[in-house]
Protein backbone atom coordinates (compact mmCIF):
# COMPACT_ATOMS: atom_id res chain seq x y z
CA MET A 1 -27.10 -51.58 31.20
CA THR A 2 -28.12 -48.02 32.18
CA THR A 3 -25.23 -46.65 30.27
CA LEU A 4 -26.55 -48.34 26.95
CA VAL A 5 -30.13 -47.28 27.38
CA GLU A 6 -28.66 -43.96 27.58
CA LEU A 7 -26.94 -44.45 24.66
CA LEU A 8 -29.62 -45.65 23.02
CA LYS A 9 -31.58 -42.85 23.63
CA LYS A 10 -29.04 -40.30 22.68
CA LEU A 11 -28.34 -41.33 19.62
CA LEU A 12 -32.39 -41.97 18.97
CA ARG A 13 -32.74 -38.23 19.84
CA ASP A 14 -30.59 -36.82 16.80
CA ILE A 15 -30.13 -38.75 13.34
CA VAL A 16 -27.31 -37.19 12.76
CA LEU A 17 -26.05 -38.91 15.65
CA PHE A 18 -27.89 -41.95 15.06
CA VAL A 19 -26.54 -42.29 11.44
CA ARG A 20 -22.88 -41.35 12.56
CA TYR A 21 -22.31 -43.94 15.52
CA ALA A 22 -25.06 -46.96 14.36
CA SER A 23 -24.87 -46.68 10.49
CA GLY A 24 -21.55 -45.43 10.85
CA LEU A 25 -21.87 -42.52 8.21
CA LYS A 26 -20.79 -39.08 8.93
CA LEU A 27 -23.41 -36.69 7.21
CA ARG A 28 -22.73 -34.09 5.39
CA HIS A 29 -23.55 -30.56 6.09
CA TYR A 30 -26.06 -29.85 3.45
CA GLN A 31 -27.54 -33.59 4.51
CA GLU A 32 -27.67 -32.81 8.17
CA GLU A 33 -29.67 -30.14 7.79
CA ALA A 34 -32.38 -31.83 5.63
CA ALA A 35 -32.35 -34.99 7.50
CA ARG A 36 -33.39 -32.78 11.01
CA ALA A 37 -36.09 -30.94 9.88
CA ILE A 38 -37.85 -33.60 8.17
CA VAL A 39 -37.72 -35.49 11.27
CA ASN A 40 -38.44 -32.83 13.39
CA SER A 41 -41.76 -32.16 10.84
CA VAL A 42 -42.51 -36.25 11.55
CA VAL A 43 -41.66 -36.28 15.15
CA HIS A 44 -43.97 -33.58 16.17
CA HIS A 45 -46.43 -34.34 13.52
CA LYS A 46 -46.44 -30.98 11.66
CA GLY A 47 -47.59 -32.12 8.43
CA LEU A 48 -44.86 -30.16 6.79
CA ASN A 49 -44.42 -30.57 2.82
CA PHE A 50 -40.47 -30.61 1.94
CA VAL A 51 -38.38 -29.94 -1.48
CA VAL A 52 -34.93 -31.99 -1.35
CA ILE A 53 -33.01 -30.98 -4.97
CA PHE A 54 -29.44 -32.31 -5.05
CA PRO A 55 -27.20 -32.87 -7.65
CA ARG A 56 -26.73 -36.36 -9.12
CA GLN A 57 -24.21 -38.07 -6.88
CA SER A 58 -24.62 -36.12 -4.12
CA GLY A 59 -26.07 -38.30 -1.37
CA LYS A 60 -30.28 -37.50 -1.75
CA ASN A 61 -30.47 -41.72 -2.10
CA GLU A 62 -28.65 -42.47 0.53
CA LEU A 63 -29.95 -39.67 2.61
CA GLN A 64 -33.45 -41.17 1.77
CA ALA A 65 -32.36 -44.73 2.86
CA GLN A 66 -30.91 -42.78 6.11
CA VAL A 67 -34.00 -40.90 7.21
CA GLN A 68 -36.21 -44.68 6.44
CA ALA A 69 -33.92 -46.25 8.64
CA TYR A 70 -34.10 -44.15 11.88
CA LEU A 71 -37.73 -43.35 11.53
CA LEU A 72 -38.37 -47.15 11.53
CA THR A 73 -36.17 -47.14 14.61
CA LEU A 74 -37.97 -44.29 16.49
CA LEU A 75 -41.38 -45.46 15.77
CA SER A 76 -41.05 -48.78 16.34
CA GLY A 77 -42.83 -48.79 19.70
CA GLU A 78 -46.35 -48.09 17.95
CA ARG A 79 -47.85 -48.94 14.22
CA ASN A 80 -46.36 -46.26 12.15
CA GLU A 81 -46.52 -46.28 7.87
CA ILE A 82 -44.00 -45.00 5.36
CA VAL A 83 -44.82 -44.51 1.99
CA GLN A 84 -41.78 -44.46 -0.47
CA ILE A 85 -42.46 -43.62 -4.28
CA SER A 86 -39.99 -43.80 -7.52
CA PRO A 87 -40.96 -43.14 -10.89
CA THR A 88 -40.54 -47.28 -12.44
CA TRP A 89 -40.07 -50.38 -10.09
CA LYS A 90 -37.74 -51.39 -12.02
CA PRO A 91 -34.60 -50.09 -11.89
CA GLN A 92 -35.61 -47.12 -9.20
CA THR A 93 -38.09 -48.60 -6.58
CA GLU A 94 -35.30 -52.06 -6.51
CA ASN A 95 -32.80 -49.68 -6.32
CA ALA A 96 -34.35 -47.40 -3.49
CA MET A 97 -35.04 -51.05 -1.79
CA ARG A 98 -31.47 -52.39 -1.92
CA ARG A 99 -30.06 -49.14 -0.27
CA LEU A 100 -32.78 -49.40 2.35
CA GLU A 101 -31.52 -52.96 3.01
CA GLU A 102 -27.83 -52.37 2.92
CA VAL A 103 -28.49 -49.39 5.54
CA LEU A 104 -30.37 -51.33 7.69
CA SER A 105 -27.91 -54.49 7.61
CA ASN A 106 -25.15 -52.23 8.80
CA ASN A 107 -26.72 -50.64 11.44
CA LEU A 108 -25.99 -51.58 14.98
CA ILE A 109 -29.32 -51.04 16.58
CA VAL A 110 -31.28 -52.36 14.03
CA ARG A 111 -29.55 -55.27 11.88
CA ASP A 112 -30.74 -57.97 13.73
CA ARG A 113 -34.64 -56.29 14.09
CA TRP A 114 -35.90 -55.52 10.57
CA GLN A 115 -37.86 -57.76 8.61
CA LYS A 116 -39.09 -57.65 4.77
CA HIS A 117 -42.49 -58.51 3.92
CA PHE A 118 -43.85 -59.59 0.31
CA GLY A 119 -40.77 -58.30 -1.25
CA HIS A 120 -41.72 -54.57 -0.75
CA ILE A 121 -42.17 -53.77 2.97
CA TYR A 122 -39.61 -53.28 5.52
CA GLN A 123 -40.36 -53.63 8.87
CA VAL A 124 -38.96 -52.84 12.61
CA GLY A 125 -41.37 -53.29 15.15
CA ARG A 126 -44.59 -52.17 14.20
CA ALA A 127 -42.94 -49.28 12.22
CA ARG A 128 -42.87 -50.24 8.28
CA VAL A 129 -41.65 -48.33 4.97
CA VAL A 130 -43.89 -49.47 1.99
CA PHE A 131 -41.94 -48.98 -1.47
CA LEU A 132 -44.61 -48.48 -4.71
CA SER A 133 -43.81 -47.57 -8.21
CA GLY A 134 -45.49 -44.24 -9.35
CA SER A 135 -45.31 -45.62 -12.87
CA PRO A 136 -48.80 -44.48 -15.12
CA THR A 137 -49.32 -47.59 -15.35
CA THR A 138 -49.40 -48.66 -11.78
CA ASN A 139 -52.91 -48.87 -9.37
CA ILE A 140 -51.53 -47.80 -6.10
CA VAL A 141 -54.53 -46.29 -4.58
CA GLY A 142 -55.43 -47.21 -0.93
CA ALA A 143 -51.87 -47.16 0.88
CA THR A 144 -51.92 -44.78 3.82
CA ALA A 145 -48.92 -43.17 5.12
CA SER A 146 -49.39 -42.16 8.60
CA ALA A 147 -45.54 -41.28 9.31
CA LEU A 148 -44.17 -39.77 5.92
CA LEU A 149 -44.37 -40.04 2.10
CA SER A 150 -41.54 -39.69 0.65
CA VAL A 151 -41.89 -39.68 -3.47
CA ASP A 152 -37.99 -39.81 -5.18
CA GLU A 153 -37.14 -37.91 -8.41
CA ALA A 154 -40.73 -36.25 -8.59
CA GLN A 155 -39.58 -34.71 -11.50
CA ASP A 156 -40.69 -37.51 -13.53
CA ILE A 157 -44.05 -38.56 -11.56
CA GLN A 158 -47.07 -37.02 -13.09
CA ILE A 159 -48.87 -34.97 -11.79
CA GLU A 160 -52.18 -36.06 -12.53
CA LYS A 161 -51.23 -39.48 -11.02
CA PHE A 162 -49.57 -37.63 -7.64
CA ASP A 163 -53.22 -35.77 -7.54
CA LYS A 164 -55.24 -38.64 -7.94
CA GLU A 165 -53.36 -41.67 -6.43
CA ILE A 166 -50.82 -40.57 -4.32
CA SER A 167 -51.78 -37.43 -2.45
CA PRO A 168 -54.86 -38.85 -1.09
CA MET A 169 -52.25 -41.39 1.07
CA VAL A 170 -51.60 -38.35 3.87
CA ALA A 171 -55.52 -37.18 3.83
CA SER A 172 -56.82 -39.12 6.76
CA THR A 173 -52.95 -38.15 8.65
CA ASN A 174 -51.85 -35.03 7.41
CA ALA A 175 -48.45 -37.02 7.60
CA THR A 176 -45.22 -35.30 6.15
CA THR A 177 -44.37 -35.20 2.91
CA VAL A 178 -41.40 -35.27 1.15
CA PHE A 179 -40.69 -34.37 -2.95
CA TRP A 180 -36.61 -35.70 -3.58
CA GLY A 181 -35.27 -35.00 -6.92
CA THR A 182 -32.95 -32.96 -9.73
CA ALA A 183 -34.05 -29.75 -11.52
CA TRP A 184 -36.08 -30.63 -15.10
CA THR A 185 -38.65 -28.38 -16.60
CA SER A 186 -41.11 -25.71 -14.80
CA ARG A 187 -43.97 -28.62 -15.55
CA THR A 188 -42.76 -31.07 -13.56
CA LEU A 189 -44.78 -31.97 -9.83
CA LEU A 190 -41.29 -31.21 -8.54
CA ALA A 191 -41.38 -27.59 -9.93
CA ARG A 192 -44.82 -27.15 -8.46
CA GLU A 193 -43.92 -28.13 -5.28
CA LEU A 194 -40.72 -26.42 -5.33
CA ARG A 195 -42.94 -22.78 -6.02
CA THR A 196 -45.68 -23.77 -3.38
CA ALA A 197 -42.86 -25.02 -0.65
CA MET A 198 -40.91 -21.37 -1.16
CA SER A 199 -44.81 -19.56 -1.02
CA ALA A 200 -44.68 -20.85 2.64
CA GLU A 201 -41.55 -20.44 3.74
CA ALA A 202 -42.21 -16.78 2.94
CA ARG A 203 -45.00 -16.46 4.51
CA ASP A 204 -43.98 -18.27 8.07
CA GLY A 205 -40.47 -18.86 7.65
CA ILE A 206 -39.96 -22.33 8.22
CA ARG A 207 -37.28 -23.53 6.29
CA ARG A 208 -39.09 -26.27 3.48
CA VAL A 209 -36.48 -25.96 0.55
CA PHE A 210 -33.02 -27.75 0.67
CA HIS A 211 -31.74 -26.87 -3.14
CA LEU A 212 -27.89 -27.23 -3.76
CA SER A 213 -26.03 -26.86 -7.18
CA ALA A 214 -22.65 -29.24 -7.65
CA ASP A 215 -20.66 -25.85 -6.54
CA GLN A 216 -22.41 -26.52 -2.98
CA VAL A 217 -21.08 -30.05 -2.84
CA ILE A 218 -17.98 -29.86 -3.78
CA THR A 219 -17.17 -27.37 -0.90
CA GLU A 220 -17.73 -30.44 1.17
CA VAL A 221 -16.44 -33.02 -0.98
CA PRO A 222 -13.67 -31.88 -3.39
CA ALA A 223 -13.57 -34.77 -5.20
CA TYR A 224 -17.25 -34.08 -6.54
CA GLY A 225 -15.07 -31.38 -8.86
CA LYS A 226 -12.92 -33.50 -10.58
CA HIS A 227 -16.29 -35.75 -10.97
CA LEU A 228 -17.75 -32.75 -12.46
CA GLN A 229 -14.98 -31.69 -14.37
CA GLN A 230 -14.82 -35.07 -16.59
CA VAL A 231 -19.25 -34.30 -16.85
CA LEU A 232 -17.95 -30.23 -18.53
CA GLU A 233 -15.59 -31.61 -20.52
CA ARG A 234 -17.87 -34.37 -22.02
CA LEU A 235 -21.34 -32.22 -22.42
CA GLY A 236 -20.08 -28.39 -21.91
CA ARG A 237 -21.88 -26.26 -19.23
CA ASN A 238 -24.55 -25.08 -21.14
CA HIS A 239 -25.60 -28.98 -21.68
CA PRO A 240 -29.40 -29.38 -20.52
CA MET A 241 -28.33 -32.36 -18.14
CA VAL A 242 -25.35 -30.76 -17.07
CA ARG A 243 -27.73 -27.57 -15.84
CA THR A 244 -30.65 -29.79 -14.58
CA GLN A 245 -28.95 -32.66 -13.09
CA TYR A 246 -26.25 -30.90 -11.73
CA TYR A 247 -26.55 -27.06 -11.13
CA CYS A 248 -30.15 -27.88 -10.29
CA GLU A 249 -31.42 -25.22 -13.22
CA GLU A 250 -34.50 -25.74 -14.63
CA ILE A 251 -35.08 -25.19 -18.36
CA ASP A 252 -38.02 -24.92 -20.56
CA ALA A 253 -40.38 -27.62 -21.71
CA GLU A 254 -40.21 -26.30 -25.15
CA GLY A 255 -38.76 -23.80 -27.40
CA GLY A 256 -35.81 -23.59 -29.66
CA LEU A 257 -32.96 -26.03 -29.81
CA PHE A 258 -30.39 -23.62 -31.25
CA THR A 259 -30.38 -20.40 -29.30
CA PRO A 260 -28.04 -18.25 -30.79
CA GLU A 261 -25.55 -19.20 -28.36
CA ARG A 262 -25.39 -22.69 -29.29
CA GLN A 263 -25.38 -21.66 -32.75
CA ALA A 264 -22.01 -19.17 -32.09
CA LEU A 265 -20.27 -22.54 -30.51
CA MET A 266 -20.89 -24.13 -33.80
CA GLN A 267 -19.16 -21.57 -35.94
CA GLY A 268 -15.13 -22.42 -36.37
CA VAL A 269 -12.87 -20.21 -38.89
CA HIS A 270 -11.60 -22.91 -41.45
CA PRO A 271 -12.50 -22.96 -44.95
CA PRO A 272 -14.40 -25.06 -46.68
CA GLU A 273 -12.47 -27.99 -48.65
CA ALA A 274 -13.32 -28.96 -52.06
CA LEU A 275 -11.27 -32.13 -51.52
CA PRO A 276 -9.80 -33.72 -49.29
CA GLN A 277 -5.99 -32.93 -47.08
CA PRO A 278 -3.38 -35.04 -46.89
CA GLY A 279 -3.10 -36.56 -42.80
CA GLU A 280 -7.42 -36.26 -42.21
CA THR A 281 -9.62 -38.54 -41.18
CA TYR A 282 -12.86 -38.37 -42.67
CA VAL A 283 -16.14 -39.54 -42.09
CA MET A 284 -19.11 -38.69 -43.94
CA LEU A 285 -22.87 -38.61 -42.44
CA LEU A 286 -25.97 -39.51 -44.37
CA ASP A 287 -29.03 -38.39 -44.26
CA VAL A 288 -31.78 -40.25 -46.51
CA ALA A 289 -35.20 -38.61 -47.76
CA GLY A 290 -37.92 -40.19 -46.12
CA ALA A 291 -39.53 -43.07 -47.08
CA ASP A 292 -43.05 -41.37 -47.93
CA GLU A 293 -41.17 -39.63 -50.62
CA ALA A 294 -39.53 -43.03 -52.45
CA ALA A 295 -41.97 -43.89 -55.81
CA GLN A 296 -40.70 -47.22 -55.99
CA ASP A 297 -38.34 -49.57 -54.72
CA LEU A 298 -34.64 -48.03 -53.70
CA ILE A 299 -32.70 -48.89 -56.43
CA GLY A 300 -33.76 -47.15 -59.95
CA SER A 301 -36.40 -45.20 -58.21
CA GLY A 302 -36.84 -41.30 -58.04
CA LEU A 303 -38.41 -39.05 -55.41
CA SER A 304 -41.77 -38.91 -56.09
CA ASN A 305 -41.91 -35.68 -54.18
CA PRO A 306 -38.54 -34.10 -54.36
CA GLY A 307 -39.42 -30.41 -53.11
CA ARG A 308 -40.67 -31.87 -49.75
CA ASP A 309 -37.14 -33.78 -48.76
CA ALA A 310 -33.54 -33.71 -49.31
CA THR A 311 -30.89 -36.24 -49.32
CA ALA A 312 -28.01 -34.51 -47.08
CA LEU A 313 -24.62 -35.11 -47.01
CA THR A 314 -21.72 -33.87 -44.35
CA ILE A 315 -18.13 -34.41 -44.47
CA VAL A 316 -16.48 -34.10 -41.13
CA ALA A 317 -12.53 -34.07 -41.05
CA VAL A 318 -12.08 -35.98 -37.19
CA GLN A 319 -9.55 -34.38 -34.71
CA PRO A 320 -7.81 -35.19 -31.21
CA GLY A 321 -9.42 -33.40 -28.45
CA SER A 322 -11.31 -29.99 -28.25
CA PRO A 323 -10.42 -26.72 -29.88
CA ASP A 324 -9.57 -25.44 -26.11
CA GLY A 325 -7.19 -28.18 -25.38
CA ILE A 326 -9.39 -28.97 -22.43
CA ASN A 327 -11.12 -32.21 -23.43
CA GLN A 328 -8.44 -34.86 -25.11
CA ASN A 329 -10.73 -37.62 -24.54
CA LEU A 330 -13.23 -36.69 -27.32
CA PRO A 331 -12.81 -35.78 -30.85
CA THR A 332 -13.42 -32.44 -32.32
CA TYR A 333 -16.14 -32.84 -35.90
CA ARG A 334 -15.20 -30.20 -37.98
CA VAL A 335 -17.15 -29.46 -40.86
CA VAL A 336 -15.51 -29.56 -44.49
CA HIS A 337 -17.57 -29.60 -46.99
CA ARG A 338 -21.76 -30.75 -47.92
CA ARG A 339 -24.15 -31.56 -50.42
CA LEU A 340 -27.59 -32.01 -50.94
CA TRP A 341 -29.49 -33.42 -53.51
CA VAL A 342 -33.23 -32.93 -54.56
CA GLY A 343 -34.99 -35.68 -56.65
CA LEU A 344 -32.01 -37.16 -57.96
CA SER A 345 -32.57 -41.26 -58.75
CA HIS A 346 -31.34 -43.48 -56.19
CA THR A 347 -29.00 -45.28 -58.36
CA ALA A 348 -27.60 -42.00 -59.48
CA LEU A 349 -27.35 -41.23 -55.65
CA PHE A 350 -25.74 -44.34 -54.80
CA SER A 351 -22.83 -43.62 -57.59
CA GLN A 352 -22.12 -40.15 -56.07
CA ILE A 353 -22.11 -41.15 -52.75
CA ARG A 354 -19.54 -43.83 -53.41
CA ALA A 355 -17.47 -41.71 -55.42
CA LEU A 356 -16.78 -38.92 -52.52
CA ALA A 357 -16.31 -41.79 -50.05
CA GLU A 358 -13.63 -43.13 -52.31
CA THR A 359 -12.54 -39.96 -53.30
CA TRP A 360 -12.48 -38.71 -49.43
CA ARG A 361 -10.90 -41.75 -48.70
CA ILE A 362 -13.40 -42.18 -45.88
CA SER A 363 -12.89 -44.10 -42.28
CA ARG A 364 -16.45 -43.99 -41.48
CA LEU A 365 -19.80 -43.61 -42.95
CA VAL A 366 -22.62 -42.85 -40.70
CA VAL A 367 -25.82 -43.77 -43.10
CA ASP A 368 -29.91 -42.69 -42.11
CA ALA A 369 -31.10 -46.94 -42.35
CA THR A 370 -34.70 -45.60 -41.53
CA GLY A 371 -37.48 -47.10 -44.43
CA VAL A 372 -35.69 -46.81 -47.68
CA GLY A 373 -32.30 -45.78 -46.47
CA ALA A 374 -32.21 -49.80 -45.12
CA GLY A 375 -31.75 -50.76 -49.35
CA LEU A 376 -29.10 -47.79 -49.78
CA THR A 377 -27.30 -48.66 -46.58
CA ALA A 378 -27.15 -51.74 -47.72
CA PHE A 379 -25.51 -51.33 -51.45
CA LEU A 380 -23.61 -49.24 -49.91
CA ASP A 381 -22.18 -51.66 -47.06
CA LYS A 382 -21.29 -53.37 -49.93
CA ALA A 383 -19.29 -51.00 -51.61
CA LEU A 384 -17.62 -50.16 -48.51
CA PRO A 385 -17.29 -52.94 -46.89
CA GLY A 386 -16.50 -52.20 -42.76
CA LYS A 387 -16.96 -48.76 -42.90
CA VAL A 388 -20.34 -48.37 -43.16
CA ASN A 389 -22.20 -47.58 -39.57
CA PRO A 390 -26.15 -47.88 -40.01
CA PHE A 391 -28.08 -45.67 -37.80
CA ILE A 392 -32.10 -46.20 -37.26
CA PHE A 393 -34.70 -43.34 -36.59
CA SER A 394 -36.79 -43.88 -34.25
CA ALA A 395 -38.67 -42.14 -31.11
CA LYS A 396 -35.97 -42.88 -28.63
CA THR A 397 -32.91 -43.02 -30.69
CA LYS A 398 -33.70 -39.64 -32.21
CA SER A 399 -34.20 -38.32 -28.86
CA GLN A 400 -30.56 -39.89 -27.89
CA LEU A 401 -29.17 -38.18 -31.49
CA GLY A 402 -30.48 -35.00 -30.11
CA TRP A 403 -29.05 -35.34 -26.47
CA GLY A 404 -25.53 -36.55 -28.24
CA PHE A 405 -25.51 -33.92 -30.33
CA LEU A 406 -26.08 -31.19 -27.81
CA ALA A 407 -23.00 -32.81 -25.85
CA VAL A 408 -21.24 -32.58 -28.85
CA VAL A 409 -21.94 -28.79 -29.53
CA ASP A 410 -22.34 -27.56 -26.21
CA SER A 411 -18.37 -29.09 -24.99
CA GLY A 412 -17.02 -27.13 -28.49
CA ARG A 413 -16.60 -29.77 -30.54
CA PHE A 414 -18.73 -29.19 -33.53
CA ARG A 415 -16.88 -26.98 -35.65
CA ASP A 416 -18.52 -25.48 -38.70
CA TYR A 417 -16.46 -24.00 -41.92
CA ALA A 418 -16.77 -19.82 -41.95
CA CYS A 419 -17.86 -18.34 -45.36
CA PRO A 420 -17.42 -14.98 -45.92
CA ASP A 421 -21.23 -13.20 -46.16
CA GLU A 422 -20.64 -12.07 -49.70
CA ASP A 423 -19.70 -15.49 -50.68
CA LEU A 424 -22.29 -16.68 -52.90
CA GLY A 425 -20.90 -20.76 -53.61
CA GLU A 426 -22.21 -23.56 -53.35
CA GLN A 427 -20.34 -24.34 -49.80
CA ALA A 428 -21.55 -20.83 -48.34
CA ARG A 429 -25.20 -21.14 -49.58
CA LEU A 430 -25.52 -24.71 -47.73
CA ALA A 431 -23.98 -23.19 -44.51
CA ARG A 432 -26.54 -20.57 -44.71
CA LYS A 433 -29.39 -22.93 -45.12
CA PHE A 434 -27.62 -25.23 -42.22
CA TYR A 435 -27.98 -22.45 -39.91
CA ARG A 436 -31.23 -21.37 -41.11
CA GLU A 437 -32.22 -25.30 -39.99
CA ALA A 438 -31.26 -24.66 -36.96
CA SER A 439 -32.99 -21.22 -35.96
CA PHE A 440 -36.04 -22.95 -36.94
CA CYS A 441 -35.49 -26.21 -34.84
CA GLN A 442 -38.03 -26.45 -32.19
CA TYR A 443 -37.66 -29.13 -29.12
CA THR A 444 -40.11 -30.55 -26.66
CA VAL A 445 -39.03 -32.28 -23.51
CA GLN A 446 -41.77 -35.10 -22.40
CA PRO A 447 -42.63 -35.54 -18.38
CA GLY A 448 -41.33 -39.29 -17.15
CA PRO A 449 -37.69 -40.70 -16.02
CA ASP A 450 -36.60 -41.59 -19.81
CA LYS A 451 -35.88 -37.36 -20.17
CA HIS A 452 -37.59 -38.03 -23.92
CA LEU A 453 -36.62 -34.96 -26.64
CA LYS A 454 -38.43 -34.21 -29.83
CA TRP A 455 -36.95 -32.06 -31.84
CA GLY A 456 -36.81 -31.04 -35.47
CA VAL A 457 -38.01 -28.39 -37.67
CA PRO A 458 -42.23 -28.65 -37.59
CA ASP A 459 -43.59 -29.58 -40.40
CA GLY A 460 -44.92 -27.06 -42.61
CA THR A 461 -42.04 -24.24 -41.23
CA ARG A 462 -41.70 -21.23 -43.72
CA ASP A 463 -39.07 -19.01 -43.42
CA PRO A 464 -41.25 -15.56 -42.73
CA GLY A 465 -38.39 -13.73 -44.74
CA ASP A 466 -38.86 -15.22 -48.03
CA GLY A 467 -41.91 -17.96 -47.27
CA GLU A 468 -39.91 -20.57 -48.40
CA LEU A 469 -40.45 -24.35 -46.46
CA VAL A 470 -37.58 -25.02 -44.02
CA HIS A 471 -36.50 -28.62 -43.62
CA ASP A 472 -33.75 -30.10 -41.65
CA ASP A 473 -31.83 -32.41 -43.98
CA LEU A 474 -28.84 -30.79 -43.18
CA LEU A 475 -29.51 -30.43 -39.14
CA ILE A 476 -30.20 -34.25 -39.28
CA SER A 477 -27.13 -35.16 -41.05
CA ALA A 478 -24.28 -32.90 -39.44
CA SER A 479 -25.70 -34.66 -35.75
CA LEU A 480 -25.02 -37.88 -36.57
CA CYS A 481 -21.95 -37.24 -35.59
CA ALA A 482 -22.94 -37.70 -32.18
CA VAL A 483 -23.01 -41.29 -32.98
CA LEU A 484 -19.70 -41.66 -33.37
CA ASP A 485 -18.95 -40.33 -29.79
CA GLU A 486 -21.70 -42.84 -28.14
CA GLU A 487 -19.71 -46.17 -30.08
CA ASN A 488 -16.39 -47.49 -29.28
CA TRP A 489 -14.85 -47.07 -31.98
CA GLN A 490 -10.99 -46.58 -32.64
CA ILE A 491 -9.99 -44.08 -35.34
CA HIS A 492 -6.52 -43.96 -36.58
CA LEU A 493 -5.38 -40.73 -34.79
CA PRO A 494 -1.96 -40.87 -32.68
CA GLY A 495 -2.90 -42.48 -29.37
CA LEU A 496 -6.57 -41.51 -29.15
CA MET A 497 -8.74 -44.30 -28.31
CA ILE A 498 -11.92 -42.98 -28.30
CA PRO A 499 -14.64 -44.34 -25.26
CA GLY A 500 -18.41 -44.51 -26.26
CA GLN A 501 -20.61 -41.81 -23.96
CA ASP A 502 -24.05 -42.07 -22.79
CA PRO A 503 -24.93 -38.51 -21.84
CA LEU A 504 -27.77 -40.20 -19.47
CA LYS A 505 -25.62 -42.90 -18.26
CA GLU A 506 -25.53 -40.67 -14.80
CA ILE A 507 -28.73 -40.27 -14.85
CA ASP A 508 -29.87 -43.56 -14.86
CA ARG A 509 -27.28 -44.08 -12.36
CA GLY A 510 -29.44 -41.80 -10.25
């Protein structure tokens, strides 16, 4: 009995040993450092604030659950309360509770001692963990964290919410606080606390920040490198999701979306095509002029304000793999032809699009089916059965389209045709217009777990060079190629099945 008691005491003196022998899990070195620092602050009532920034799928959430299980066991003799905050109840809070349940159920010391109350409270002895949602719509005023306040995905918690309702939970206890997450913009709660913790570190030398990148994870988990390589092939190293979620680099909350570097990635070396070439698979991408510009019903009407917006068509040749040969699982979209219509009646527009579709023997037509586009889409669907893919714009779908198009561009799979500077032809003119639109395209990243992206050329934008209004018709048209990545569709290319991919899928799994 004495030997068993001594063993238990030994395990409870070190969280790393506790996790190794009671939970049967060997923590990675970077997890050990953060775990020991957090526990030390809790046990010795130091009241430190920590920031833990780990890449996706690198063990952040597992570490949270193991720390909670250890503290529940260690502090079970007295009344102690841990509060865990997640940005949403479903799925994030539910996932966090499920992880803790799994850890407690598999832990040799507490698997028969823990209890669950009211669906969101886990208790061992007199110690408890209370799970709450930090969503803007919840009211969580009144909870008290006497031992630890754990804020998960802190980059998605509103600063006002934290300052008003969450931070006071440690006001009377000076409990340790941990902000967990992955990088996002410099305007988030996580970013603010990171800078505060770094300043405190500089003053007293006590480590408070545990900030990893994917490269550091790979040194301990080689398999992570294979996973990361697949992500890089799909999205590209400079995609905002890769920079933030894997390399833990902050991005600007707003700015120009298509930087000169990104525009350089778009530029190919092939010439435009006036007619289809044998053996190629073509897709048409159609952005329809907005509903506010339609004078009457779709068919037979004109555009009441033709100078304000236009219908833009981009024709791309779909080819297997990326140009560098690295990514063979997703296609490259090679722009070969553009059209732009301003002030054309919808009857004539329908006829021209149908004729172009037949001439180019298209495999698919992705068309903006929003507003008046719905009627045009219906007519095209009847004329081109089985080939029309409607896309309806909303704030959510445009955000998804933006992220998806960046994935195509940043992975080198969008290639525009090249025209000499002295070329004054129509295709060269439209290419220059496309890049002007890209240059004036702005973005804003909204706070919150949805990673909402607002993007486009702001209304009323004028080119300072000539004073002309700048729209984004050709840019939106080109971006519709990302729809082909998102869907499970098979094009007639030798041995190529293109699986649907969602750049946010990894993030949703957290």
